[in-house]
Amino acid sequence: MRKDLSDFTDRVLRARHLAQRRSVKMLDLWAVLLPARISNEVLGDYLEDIHRRAARGQRKLLYVRVLAAIFWTGVNGFGYLLKKLGTRRGA
């Protein structure tokens, strides 16, 4: 009984760390495409949140946050690009 609980705990912890590593890798790759300001500020906030959720064991929400991070930083990066190209006025 004790061994089964230990095995279960090990599997849960490994899955949690795997989800966190995958999330961070995906966002690190995505950061290469983003302007530095957005990558450092906005994506950094998402990464902090992902680390907090991983510590709490919220694996499914990690992937939701990764998708949200990619979407919103993509929108933000596109707006930044338009602003730099001069087709959009700053707010």
Protein backbone atom coordinates (compact mmCIF):
# COMPACT_ATOMS: atom_id res chain seq x y z
CA MET A 1 0.00 0.00 0.00
CA ARG A 2 2.75 2.43 0.95
CA LYS A 3 4.71 1.60 -2.22
CA ASP A 4 1.62 2.19 -4.39
CA LEU A 5 1.14 5.63 -2.86
CA SER A 6 4.80 6.43 -3.38
CA ASP A 7 4.65 5.34 -7.03
CA PHE A 8 1.52 7.40 -7.59
CA THR A 9 3.14 10.46 -6.01
CA ASP A 10 6.24 10.03 -8.17
CA ARG A 11 4.13 9.79 -11.33
CA VAL A 12 2.17 12.90 -10.41
CA LEU A 13 5.34 14.88 -9.72
CA ARG A 14 6.97 13.72 -12.95
CA ALA A 15 3.88 14.68 -14.94
CA ARG A 16 3.82 18.09 -13.27
CA HIS A 17 7.48 18.75 -14.10
CA LEU A 18 7.05 17.49 -17.64
CA ALA A 19 4.09 19.82 -18.22
CA GLN A 20 6.07 22.74 -16.84
CA ARG A 21 9.15 21.95 -18.98
CA ARG A 22 7.04 21.62 -22.13
CA SER A 23 5.25 24.88 -21.42
CA VAL A 24 8.45 26.78 -20.82
CA LYS A 25 10.09 25.32 -23.94
CA MET A 26 7.12 26.28 -26.10
CA LEU A 27 7.15 29.84 -24.79
CA ASP A 28 10.93 30.10 -25.13
CA LEU A 29 10.62 29.19 -28.80
CA TRP A 30 7.76 31.66 -29.21
CA ALA A 31 9.83 34.40 -27.54
CA VAL A 32 12.34 34.24 -30.39
CA LEU A 33 9.69 35.61 -32.76
CA LEU A 34 8.51 38.42 -30.50
CA PRO A 35 9.96 41.90 -30.01
CA ALA A 36 12.23 42.04 -26.96
CA ARG A 37 9.93 44.37 -24.99
CA ILE A 38 6.96 42.03 -25.31
CA SER A 39 9.06 38.96 -24.71
CA ASN A 40 10.63 40.36 -21.55
CA GLU A 41 7.62 42.04 -19.99
CA VAL A 42 4.43 40.29 -21.08
CA LEU A 43 5.76 36.81 -21.71
CA GLY A 44 7.77 36.99 -18.48
CA ASP A 45 4.55 37.56 -16.55
CA TYR A 46 2.97 34.52 -18.21
CA LEU A 47 6.02 32.40 -17.33
CA GLU A 48 5.80 33.44 -13.68
CA ASP A 49 2.14 32.44 -13.66
CA ILE A 50 2.96 29.11 -15.30
CA HIS A 51 5.56 28.36 -12.61
CA ARG A 52 3.02 29.17 -9.88
CA ARG A 53 0.39 26.92 -11.47
CA ALA A 54 2.91 24.10 -11.86
CA ALA A 55 3.78 24.35 -8.18
CA ARG A 56 0.07 24.00 -7.37
CA GLY A 57 -0.29 20.99 -9.67
CA GLN A 58 -2.63 22.68 -12.15
CA ARG A 59 -1.35 20.85 -15.25
CA LYS A 60 -4.35 21.40 -17.51
CA LEU A 61 -4.40 25.11 -16.76
CA LEU A 62 -0.71 25.31 -17.70
CA TYR A 63 -1.53 24.48 -21.29
CA VAL A 64 -4.46 26.91 -21.31
CA ARG A 65 -2.11 29.64 -20.10
CA VAL A 66 0.43 28.74 -22.79
CA LEU A 67 -2.24 29.09 -25.48
CA ALA A 68 -3.42 32.37 -23.97
CA ALA A 69 0.17 33.63 -23.80
CA ILE A 70 0.82 32.76 -27.44
CA PHE A 71 -2.42 34.38 -28.58
CA TRP A 72 -2.15 37.61 -26.58
CA THR A 73 1.56 38.15 -27.10
CA GLY A 74 0.99 37.47 -30.80
CA VAL A 75 -1.71 40.14 -30.89
CA ASN A 76 0.53 42.49 -28.93
CA GLY A 77 3.50 41.76 -31.20
CA PHE A 78 1.42 42.35 -34.32
CA GLY A 79 0.28 45.71 -32.95
CA TYR A 80 3.88 46.57 -32.12
CA LEU A 81 4.92 45.70 -35.67
CA LEU A 82 2.15 47.86 -37.16
CA LYS A 83 3.19 50.74 -34.92
CA LYS A 84 6.83 50.42 -36.03
CA LEU A 85 5.80 50.30 -39.68
CA GLY A 86 3.82 53.50 -39.15
CA THR A 87 0.41 52.14 -40.12
CA ARG A 88 -1.00 52.55 -36.64
CA ARG A 89 -0.88 55.50 -34.30
CA GLY A 90 0.24 55.01 -30.72
CA ALA A 91 -2.44 55.15 -28.05
